[in-house]
Structures are given as structure tokens and as C-alpha cells.
Amino acid sequence: MKQFPLKLVSRRMLAPTVGHYVFQRGDGEPLDYIPGQFIQVHFQYADGTATKRSYSLATIHDHALGPGEAVEIAVSYVPGGAATALFEGLGEGDAVQASGPFGRFCLMPADANRRYLLIATGTGVTPYRAMLPQLERQIRERGIEVVLLFGARTPAELLYGDEFRAFADRVPGFRFVPCFSRELPAEPHADVRHGYVQQFLAEFAPDAAGDIAYLCGNPNMVDACFEALKEYGLAVPQIRREKYVSSK
């Protein structure tokens, strides 16, 4: 797989330990991708050993207008992490080497479900941000419902929370349910829950006849929800998974 340069355009902090990075391809080529896919960033450890990290694409662009040029990802900072040092050290205009896109954690064209249950923790919510234009179109054209259950410890760690809430307010058929394990917002929305995402699955009555579920983020959450959804009768092909394992 051919590598290409990504030049940093801007970055901002999404949470105390997560940065949102906007890149452009340095070779002038577009990066066309299917929402839900990821790229790999290639770099070297201090001893020269080659390594790479995977990042889901957070970019929102309308594929009807052709591939976009921006490449957006969310990066979790790990104390002492080699990738963290790489990203924290990037200035505007600096480049990293990347490859991709990869992965099949995407909405499938043949899906005939009535509802998507999108479940995430932490940066696992990134692919769902990229899927928003597709989901809006499917809500409009197929009349489906979408529930996004997103687990965070505190309101400060609810990545893209304002965007998801605004989308839910604007698009009937999309529900955004943040689940806070430690601390609730000062004035919680009616859809805010206190606890872990897997505790609230029952409230949405997963239905083998009409649901397709996506699980992304913490491996323990993904495993717990996978087992729970199977108990509700969902077949394995109806449960699409991507685990985020943080590495140094």
C-alpha cells in the first residue's frame, strides 16, 4: 500500500487528553473513503524501529460532490506514548506519512434494517461522526431510526458531543444518548444517562428482526455489548465491531 504525506492544517483539543487534527494530503491527491474506515500513520520509535497507529477518519464530507481534501482524525494522548510525542510535536505545515483507507466498519448499501444502534466509548465515536451525512440520507429515504449510545466518564470527555446533540435536534429519527460513568453535566438533557453504555441497552429493546448494531471503542465494552446483543437474538452479522486498543 502506497504511503502519502499528510500536512497538518490545524488542531484543537476535544477533551483534556484528545486532540482533533485536520490534515491535507501533501501530494495534492484526494483521499476518498467510506465513512467508518481508518488510516494508518507510519513513524519510527527512538531506536529507529518502524511502527504505525490506526486512526478512524472523522471527516464529514458529502461524497456526492466528489472526494474531499481534508483528512480529520481524533488522537488520544497516552502519557509517554511514542505516537503522542509525534502528534504533540507537530506544527502547522508539518507532515506525517500515512496509508489507507482501510477497514469494513461501514454502513452497508444492502442494509434493510429499521434501526441502527451505534454504540461507542471514547475515540470510538469518531467513525459515527463521519457517518452523519449517510445516516441523515437513510433516515430521510428509508425512514430508519438511529440511536447513538456514547459512553464517557465526564462531560469534558464527550467527544463531538455538541455536534451530535445539534444533529439530534435537527434530524428527527436520530437520538443521542450520552452515558456518563462518573460525572453528569450541570443541566443534563433528557437523554443523558448515568452509568455505562451496556447498562442502558435494555432501555432500547434490541430487536433481532429490525436492528443492526455497531460497537466501537473500549474492548471490554465491545465484548459486553456483543454478548448482550446476542442474548437479545441478534445474529453475529447484525453486530459489527471495531476494538480500540491503546498502545504506546
C-alpha atoms as a PDB file:
ATOM      1  CA  MET A   1       0.000   0.000   0.000  1.00  0.00           C
ATOM      2  CA  LYS A   2       1.465   3.324  -1.126  1.00  0.00           C
ATOM      3  CA  GLN A   3       2.192   5.853   1.598  1.00  0.00           C
ATOM      4  CA  PHE A   4       1.375   9.533   1.189  1.00  0.00           C
ATOM      5  CA  PRO A   5       2.192  12.682   3.172  1.00  0.00           C
ATOM      6  CA  LEU A   6      -0.413  14.391   5.338  1.00  0.00           C
ATOM      7  CA  LYS A   7       0.296  18.030   6.203  1.00  0.00           C
ATOM      8  CA  LEU A   8      -1.152  19.462   9.408  1.00  0.00           C
ATOM      9  CA  VAL A   9      -3.663  22.255   8.768  1.00  0.00           C
ATOM     10  CA  SER A  10      -4.957  22.767  12.319  1.00  0.00           C
ATOM     11  CA  ARG A  11      -5.630  21.084  15.627  1.00  0.00           C
ATOM     12  CA  ARG A  12      -7.774  21.706  18.662  1.00  0.00           C
ATOM     13  CA  MET A  13      -8.398  19.890  21.917  1.00  0.00           C
ATOM     14  CA  LEU A  14     -11.661  17.926  22.041  1.00  0.00           C
ATOM     15  CA  ALA A  15     -11.087  16.780  25.623  1.00  0.00           C
ATOM     16  CA  PRO A  16      -8.264  17.075  28.157  1.00  0.00           C
ATOM     17  CA  THR A  17      -6.408  14.147  26.530  1.00  0.00           C
ATOM     18  CA  VAL A  18      -7.813  14.041  22.978  1.00  0.00           C
ATOM     19  CA  GLY A  19      -6.846  16.253  20.051  1.00  0.00           C
ATOM     20  CA  HIS A  20      -8.785  16.790  16.808  1.00  0.00           C
ATOM     21  CA  TYR A  21      -6.321  17.027  13.909  1.00  0.00           C
ATOM     22  CA  VAL A  22      -7.106  18.364  10.430  1.00  0.00           C
ATOM     23  CA  PHE A  23      -4.680  17.372   7.669  1.00  0.00           C
ATOM     24  CA  GLN A  24      -4.479  17.759   3.922  1.00  0.00           C
ATOM     25  CA  ARG A  25      -2.724  15.362   1.625  1.00  0.00           C
ATOM     26  CA  GLY A  26       0.636  16.834   0.744  1.00  0.00           C
ATOM     27  CA  ASP A  27       0.668  15.250  -2.725  1.00  0.00           C
ATOM     28  CA  GLY A  28      -2.482  17.048  -3.905  1.00  0.00           C
ATOM     29  CA  GLU A  29      -4.444  13.819  -4.303  1.00  0.00           C
ATOM     30  CA  PRO A  30      -7.891  13.419  -2.691  1.00  0.00           C
ATOM     31  CA  LEU A  31      -8.460  10.784  -0.019  1.00  0.00           C
ATOM     32  CA  ASP A  32     -11.683   9.084  -0.921  1.00  0.00           C
ATOM     33  CA  TYR A  33     -13.002   6.740   1.728  1.00  0.00           C
ATOM     34  CA  ILE A  34     -16.172   5.183   3.056  1.00  0.00           C
ATOM     35  CA  PRO A  35     -17.273   6.618   6.435  1.00  0.00           C
ATOM     36  CA  GLY A  36     -16.172   4.146   9.099  1.00  0.00           C
ATOM     37  CA  GLN A  37     -12.783   3.448   7.523  1.00  0.00           C
ATOM     38  CA  PHE A  38      -9.410   4.321   9.081  1.00  0.00           C
ATOM     39  CA  ILE A  39      -5.925   5.382   8.030  1.00  0.00           C
ATOM     40  CA  GLN A  40      -2.566   4.291   9.389  1.00  0.00           C
ATOM     41  CA  VAL A  41       0.111   6.794  10.383  1.00  0.00           C
ATOM     42  CA  HIS A  42       3.678   5.493   9.987  1.00  0.00           C
ATOM     43  CA  PHE A  43       6.597   6.644  12.125  1.00  0.00           C
ATOM     44  CA  GLN A  44       9.653   5.333  13.969  1.00  0.00           C
ATOM     45  CA  TYR A  45      10.456   4.679  17.597  1.00  0.00           C
ATOM     46  CA  ALA A  46      13.502   6.456  19.043  1.00  0.00           C
ATOM     47  CA  ASP A  47      15.633   3.394  18.202  1.00  0.00           C
ATOM     48  CA  GLY A  48      14.609   3.582  14.543  1.00  0.00           C
ATOM     49  CA  THR A  49      12.141   0.679  14.567  1.00  0.00           C
ATOM     50  CA  ALA A  50       9.256   1.293  12.180  1.00  0.00           C
ATOM     51  CA  THR A  51       5.768   1.323  13.692  1.00  0.00           C
ATOM     52  CA  LYS A  52       2.277   2.565  12.847  1.00  0.00           C
ATOM     53  CA  ARG A  53      -1.004   3.558  14.503  1.00  0.00           C
ATOM     54  CA  SER A  54      -4.550   3.347  13.178  1.00  0.00           C
ATOM     55  CA  TYR A  55      -6.980   6.284  13.336  1.00  0.00           C
ATOM     56  CA  SER A  56     -10.610   6.307  12.208  1.00  0.00           C
ATOM     57  CA  LEU A  57     -11.483   9.106   9.824  1.00  0.00           C
ATOM     58  CA  ALA A  58     -13.691  11.730  11.469  1.00  0.00           C
ATOM     59  CA  THR A  59     -14.039  13.770   8.277  1.00  0.00           C
ATOM     60  CA  ILE A  60     -17.540  14.834   7.285  1.00  0.00           C
ATOM     61  CA  HIS A  61     -17.878  15.456   3.581  1.00  0.00           C
ATOM     62  CA  ASP A  62     -20.598  14.890   1.050  1.00  0.00           C
ATOM     63  CA  HIS A  63     -19.397  12.154  -1.274  1.00  0.00           C
ATOM     64  CA  ALA A  64     -21.921  13.293  -3.877  1.00  0.00           C
ATOM     65  CA  LEU A  65     -19.623  16.251  -4.556  1.00  0.00           C
ATOM     66  CA  GLY A  66     -16.595  14.009  -5.046  1.00  0.00           C
ATOM     67  CA  PRO A  67     -13.781  13.194  -2.634  1.00  0.00           C
ATOM     68  CA  GLY A  68     -12.753  15.892  -0.215  1.00  0.00           C
ATOM     69  CA  GLU A  69      -9.237  17.015   0.575  1.00  0.00           C
ATOM     70  CA  ALA A  70      -9.423  17.343   4.351  1.00  0.00           C
ATOM     71  CA  VAL A  71      -8.397  14.370   6.497  1.00  0.00           C
ATOM     72  CA  GLU A  72      -9.613  14.620  10.104  1.00  0.00           C
ATOM     73  CA  ILE A  73      -8.783  12.275  12.977  1.00  0.00           C
ATOM     74  CA  ALA A  74      -9.056  12.247  16.775  1.00  0.00           C
ATOM     75  CA  VAL A  75      -5.863  11.357  18.640  1.00  0.00           C
ATOM     76  CA  SER A  76      -5.822  10.121  22.241  1.00  0.00           C
ATOM     77  CA  TYR A  77      -2.772  11.232  24.164  1.00  0.00           C
ATOM     78  CA  VAL A  78      -1.091   8.449  26.161  1.00  0.00           C
ATOM     79  CA  PRO A  79       1.495   9.615  28.738  1.00  0.00           C
ATOM     80  CA  GLY A  80       4.934   8.610  27.472  1.00  0.00           C
ATOM     81  CA  GLY A  81       3.470   7.314  24.214  1.00  0.00           C
ATOM     82  CA  ALA A  82       5.559   7.457  21.036  1.00  0.00           C
ATOM     83  CA  ALA A  83       2.587   8.403  18.849  1.00  0.00           C
ATOM     84  CA  THR A  84       1.573  11.064  21.390  1.00  0.00           C
ATOM     85  CA  ALA A  85       5.057  12.584  21.179  1.00  0.00           C
ATOM     86  CA  LEU A  86       4.809  12.585  17.377  1.00  0.00           C
ATOM     87  CA  PHE A  87       1.429  14.343  17.301  1.00  0.00           C
ATOM     88  CA  GLU A  88       2.144  16.770  20.130  1.00  0.00           C
ATOM     89  CA  GLY A  89       5.319  17.822  18.320  1.00  0.00           C
ATOM     90  CA  LEU A  90       3.598  18.618  15.012  1.00  0.00           C
ATOM     91  CA  GLY A  91       3.368  22.241  13.947  1.00  0.00           C
ATOM     92  CA  GLU A  92       1.125  23.603  11.205  1.00  0.00           C
ATOM     93  CA  GLY A  93       2.547  22.584   7.838  1.00  0.00           C
ATOM     94  CA  ASP A  94       4.480  19.637   9.285  1.00  0.00           C
ATOM     95  CA  ALA A  95       3.816  16.273   7.655  1.00  0.00           C
ATOM     96  CA  VAL A  96       3.347  12.669   8.696  1.00  0.00           C
ATOM     97  CA  GLN A  97       3.345   9.614   6.445  1.00  0.00           C
ATOM     98  CA  ALA A  98       0.071   7.733   6.122  1.00  0.00           C
ATOM     99  CA  SER A  99      -1.554   4.899   4.193  1.00  0.00           C
ATOM    100  CA  GLY A 100      -5.110   3.771   3.615  1.00  0.00           C
ATOM    101  CA  PRO A 101      -8.003   3.951   3.844  1.00  0.00           C
ATOM    102  CA  PHE A 102      -8.655   0.517   5.352  1.00  0.00           C
ATOM    103  CA  GLY A 103     -11.470  -1.320   7.103  1.00  0.00           C
ATOM    104  CA  ARG A 104     -15.036  -2.500   6.676  1.00  0.00           C
ATOM    105  CA  PHE A 105     -16.668  -0.851   9.723  1.00  0.00           C
ATOM    106  CA  CYS A 106     -19.108   0.900   7.398  1.00  0.00           C
ATOM    107  CA  LEU A 107     -22.809   1.186   6.673  1.00  0.00           C
ATOM    108  CA  MET A 108     -23.605  -1.462   4.060  1.00  0.00           C
ATOM    109  CA  PRO A 109     -25.529  -0.490   0.895  1.00  0.00           C
ATOM    110  CA  ALA A 110     -27.701  -3.627   1.131  1.00  0.00           C
ATOM    111  CA  ASP A 111     -28.808  -2.980   4.742  1.00  0.00           C
ATOM    112  CA  ALA A 112     -32.604  -3.234   5.027  1.00  0.00           C
ATOM    113  CA  ASN A 113     -32.817  -2.738   8.803  1.00  0.00           C
ATOM    114  CA  ARG A 114     -35.301  -0.486  10.565  1.00  0.00           C
ATOM    115  CA  ARG A 115     -32.838   0.869  13.128  1.00  0.00           C
ATOM    116  CA  TYR A 116     -29.131   1.320  13.742  1.00  0.00           C
ATOM    117  CA  LEU A 117     -27.840   1.062  17.306  1.00  0.00           C
ATOM    118  CA  LEU A 118     -24.490   2.878  17.301  1.00  0.00           C
ATOM    119  CA  ILE A 119     -22.530   2.257  20.488  1.00  0.00           C
ATOM    120  CA  ALA A 120     -19.185   3.828  21.362  1.00  0.00           C
ATOM    121  CA  THR A 121     -16.785   4.852  24.085  1.00  0.00           C
ATOM    122  CA  GLY A 122     -14.007   7.440  23.802  1.00  0.00           C
ATOM    123  CA  THR A 123     -12.476   7.954  20.359  1.00  0.00           C
ATOM    124  CA  GLY A 124     -14.590   5.013  19.174  1.00  0.00           C
ATOM    125  CA  VAL A 125     -17.271   7.594  18.378  1.00  0.00           C
ATOM    126  CA  THR A 126     -15.110   9.047  15.571  1.00  0.00           C
ATOM    127  CA  PRO A 127     -16.445   6.851  12.734  1.00  0.00           C
ATOM    128  CA  TYR A 128     -20.027   7.757  13.641  1.00  0.00           C
ATOM    129  CA  ARG A 129     -19.228  11.448  13.129  1.00  0.00           C
ATOM    130  CA  ALA A 130     -18.127  10.653   9.584  1.00  0.00           C
ATOM    131  CA  MET A 131     -21.328   8.647   9.003  1.00  0.00           C
ATOM    132  CA  LEU A 132     -23.718  11.521   9.840  1.00  0.00           C
ATOM    133  CA  PRO A 133     -24.448  12.607   6.227  1.00  0.00           C
ATOM    134  CA  GLN A 134     -25.124   8.972   5.238  1.00  0.00           C
ATOM    135  CA  LEU A 135     -27.356   8.440   8.262  1.00  0.00           C
ATOM    136  CA  GLU A 136     -29.326  11.610   7.556  1.00  0.00           C
ATOM    137  CA  ARG A 137     -29.937  10.443   3.999  1.00  0.00           C
ATOM    138  CA  GLN A 138     -31.072   6.986   5.158  1.00  0.00           C
ATOM    139  CA  ILE A 139     -33.396   8.479   7.790  1.00  0.00           C
ATOM    140  CA  ARG A 140     -34.934  10.602   5.053  1.00  0.00           C
ATOM    141  CA  GLU A 141     -35.054   7.948   2.314  1.00  0.00           C
ATOM    142  CA  ARG A 142     -35.634   4.707   4.251  1.00  0.00           C
ATOM    143  CA  GLY A 143     -37.380   6.095   7.320  1.00  0.00           C
ATOM    144  CA  ILE A 144     -34.962   4.350   9.679  1.00  0.00           C
ATOM    145  CA  GLU A 145     -34.221   5.294  13.283  1.00  0.00           C
ATOM    146  CA  VAL A 146     -30.734   5.750  14.709  1.00  0.00           C
ATOM    147  CA  VAL A 147     -29.722   5.651  18.378  1.00  0.00           C
ATOM    148  CA  LEU A 148     -26.189   6.710  19.335  1.00  0.00           C
ATOM    149  CA  LEU A 149     -25.225   5.482  22.819  1.00  0.00           C
ATOM    150  CA  PHE A 150     -21.932   7.124  23.735  1.00  0.00           C
ATOM    151  CA  GLY A 151     -20.016   6.396  26.922  1.00  0.00           C
ATOM    152  CA  ALA A 152     -17.703   8.940  28.568  1.00  0.00           C
ATOM    153  CA  ARG A 153     -16.507   9.474  32.111  1.00  0.00           C
ATOM    154  CA  THR A 154     -17.292  13.189  32.331  1.00  0.00           C
ATOM    155  CA  PRO A 155     -18.909  15.916  30.183  1.00  0.00           C
ATOM    156  CA  ALA A 156     -15.432  17.238  29.325  1.00  0.00           C
ATOM    157  CA  GLU A 157     -14.661  13.891  27.666  1.00  0.00           C
ATOM    158  CA  LEU A 158     -17.783  13.730  25.482  1.00  0.00           C
ATOM    159  CA  LEU A 159     -16.039  13.982  22.106  1.00  0.00           C
ATOM    160  CA  TYR A 160     -18.026  15.897  19.452  1.00  0.00           C
ATOM    161  CA  GLY A 161     -20.928  15.958  21.954  1.00  0.00           C
ATOM    162  CA  ASP A 162     -22.191  19.380  20.834  1.00  0.00           C
ATOM    163  CA  GLU A 163     -22.202  18.239  17.206  1.00  0.00           C
ATOM    164  CA  PHE A 164     -24.146  15.064  17.939  1.00  0.00           C
ATOM    165  CA  ARG A 165     -26.658  16.945  20.094  1.00  0.00           C
ATOM    166  CA  ALA A 166     -27.175  19.573  17.363  1.00  0.00           C
ATOM    167  CA  PHE A 167     -27.625  16.801  14.783  1.00  0.00           C
ATOM    168  CA  ALA A 168     -30.197  15.039  17.003  1.00  0.00           C
ATOM    169  CA  ASP A 169     -32.089  18.335  17.463  1.00  0.00           C
ATOM    170  CA  ARG A 170     -32.141  18.924  13.714  1.00  0.00           C
ATOM    171  CA  VAL A 171     -32.825  15.388  12.440  1.00  0.00           C
ATOM    172  CA  PRO A 172     -35.944  13.613  13.745  1.00  0.00           C
ATOM    173  CA  GLY A 173     -35.190   9.909  13.883  1.00  0.00           C
ATOM    174  CA  PHE A 174     -31.722  10.374  15.404  1.00  0.00           C
ATOM    175  CA  ARG A 175     -31.328  10.051  19.179  1.00  0.00           C
ATOM    176  CA  PHE A 176     -28.148  10.935  21.028  1.00  0.00           C
ATOM    177  CA  VAL A 177     -27.822   9.262  24.438  1.00  0.00           C
ATOM    178  CA  PRO A 178     -24.620  10.179  26.313  1.00  0.00           C
ATOM    179  CA  CYS A 179     -23.858   7.844  29.227  1.00  0.00           C
ATOM    180  CA  PHE A 180     -21.578   9.347  31.883  1.00  0.00           C
ATOM    181  CA  SER A 181     -19.916   6.917  34.270  1.00  0.00           C
ATOM    182  CA  ARG A 182     -18.505   9.493  36.714  1.00  0.00           C
ATOM    183  CA  GLU A 183     -19.976  12.958  36.465  1.00  0.00           C
ATOM    184  CA  LEU A 184     -23.158  14.356  34.927  1.00  0.00           C
ATOM    185  CA  PRO A 185     -23.484  17.753  33.205  1.00  0.00           C
ATOM    186  CA  ALA A 186     -24.859  20.615  35.306  1.00  0.00           C
ATOM    187  CA  GLU A 187     -28.119  20.711  33.340  1.00  0.00           C
ATOM    188  CA  PRO A 188     -28.488  17.300  31.724  1.00  0.00           C
ATOM    189  CA  HIS A 189     -30.578  16.813  28.583  1.00  0.00           C
ATOM    190  CA  ALA A 190     -33.451  14.333  28.989  1.00  0.00           C
ATOM    191  CA  ASP A 191     -31.488  11.727  27.012  1.00  0.00           C
ATOM    192  CA  VAL A 192     -28.442  11.832  29.331  1.00  0.00           C
ATOM    193  CA  ARG A 193     -27.861   8.672  31.390  1.00  0.00           C
ATOM    194  CA  HIS A 194     -25.648   7.986  34.438  1.00  0.00           C
ATOM    195  CA  GLY A 195     -23.641   4.778  34.098  1.00  0.00           C
ATOM    196  CA  TYR A 196     -22.034   2.647  31.398  1.00  0.00           C
ATOM    197  CA  VAL A 197     -23.475   2.204  27.898  1.00  0.00           C
ATOM    198  CA  GLN A 198     -24.047  -1.530  28.363  1.00  0.00           C
ATOM    199  CA  GLN A 199     -26.354  -0.783  31.317  1.00  0.00           C
ATOM    200  CA  PHE A 200     -28.807   1.025  29.023  1.00  0.00           C
ATOM    201  CA  LEU A 201     -29.116  -1.421  26.133  1.00  0.00           C
ATOM    202  CA  ALA A 202     -32.289  -2.893  27.619  1.00  0.00           C
ATOM    203  CA  GLU A 203     -33.992   0.510  27.528  1.00  0.00           C
ATOM    204  CA  PHE A 204     -33.793   0.432  23.725  1.00  0.00           C
ATOM    205  CA  ALA A 205     -35.071  -3.165  23.430  1.00  0.00           C
ATOM    206  CA  PRO A 206     -32.657  -4.525  20.800  1.00  0.00           C
ATOM    207  CA  ASP A 207     -34.673  -6.346  18.168  1.00  0.00           C
ATOM    208  CA  ALA A 208     -33.270  -9.145  16.019  1.00  0.00           C
ATOM    209  CA  ALA A 209     -35.898  -8.502  13.353  1.00  0.00           C
ATOM    210  CA  GLY A 210     -35.097  -4.840  12.779  1.00  0.00           C
ATOM    211  CA  ASP A 211     -31.752  -3.795  14.277  1.00  0.00           C
ATOM    212  CA  ILE A 212     -28.151  -3.643  13.169  1.00  0.00           C
ATOM    213  CA  ALA A 213     -25.657  -2.680  15.865  1.00  0.00           C
ATOM    214  CA  TYR A 214     -22.218  -1.101  15.632  1.00  0.00           C
ATOM    215  CA  LEU A 215     -19.762  -1.342  18.534  1.00  0.00           C
ATOM    216  CA  CYS A 216     -16.587   0.727  18.641  1.00  0.00           C
ATOM    217  CA  GLY A 217     -14.154   1.633  21.393  1.00  0.00           C
ATOM    218  CA  ASN A 218     -13.050   0.030  24.641  1.00  0.00           C
ATOM    219  CA  PRO A 219     -12.615  -3.754  24.149  1.00  0.00           C
ATOM    220  CA  ASN A 220     -14.404  -4.586  27.436  1.00  0.00           C
ATOM    221  CA  MET A 221     -17.439  -2.526  26.371  1.00  0.00           C
ATOM    222  CA  VAL A 222     -17.404  -4.080  22.899  1.00  0.00           C
ATOM    223  CA  ASP A 223     -17.308  -7.609  24.372  1.00  0.00           C
ATOM    224  CA  ALA A 224     -20.022  -6.899  26.966  1.00  0.00           C
ATOM    225  CA  CYS A 225     -22.380  -5.356  24.396  1.00  0.00           C
ATOM    226  CA  PHE A 226     -21.653  -8.107  21.867  1.00  0.00           C
ATOM    227  CA  GLU A 227     -22.699 -10.789  24.367  1.00  0.00           C
ATOM    228  CA  ALA A 228     -25.766  -8.800  25.453  1.00  0.00           C
ATOM    229  CA  LEU A 229     -26.924  -8.229  21.869  1.00  0.00           C
ATOM    230  CA  LYS A 230     -26.544 -11.934  21.081  1.00  0.00           C
ATOM    231  CA  GLU A 231     -28.782 -12.686  24.071  1.00  0.00           C
ATOM    232  CA  TYR A 232     -31.394 -10.398  22.508  1.00  0.00           C
ATOM    233  CA  GLY A 233     -31.238 -12.651  19.466  1.00  0.00           C
ATOM    234  CA  LEU A 234     -29.155 -10.544  17.099  1.00  0.00           C
ATOM    235  CA  ALA A 235     -27.162 -12.729  14.738  1.00  0.00           C
ATOM    236  CA  VAL A 236     -23.403 -12.149  14.565  1.00  0.00           C
ATOM    237  CA  PRO A 237     -23.600 -10.462  11.099  1.00  0.00           C
ATOM    238  CA  GLN A 238     -26.004  -7.891  12.645  1.00  0.00           C
ATOM    239  CA  ILE A 239     -23.325  -6.850  15.161  1.00  0.00           C
ATOM    240  CA  ARG A 240     -20.382  -5.028  13.601  1.00  0.00           C
ATOM    241  CA  ARG A 241     -17.364  -4.457  15.837  1.00  0.00           C
ATOM    242  CA  GLU A 242     -14.153  -2.490  15.998  1.00  0.00           C
ATOM    243  CA  LYS A 243     -11.990  -2.552  19.120  1.00  0.00           C
ATOM    244  CA  TYR A 244      -9.685   0.335  20.014  1.00  0.00           C
ATOM    245  CA  VAL A 245      -6.648  -0.921  21.879  1.00  0.00           C
ATOM    246  CA  SER A 246      -4.460   1.949  23.031  1.00  0.00           C
ATOM    247  CA  SER A 247      -0.751   1.311  22.526  1.00  0.00           C
ATOM    248  CA  LYS A 248       2.359   3.224  23.396  1.00  0.00           C
END
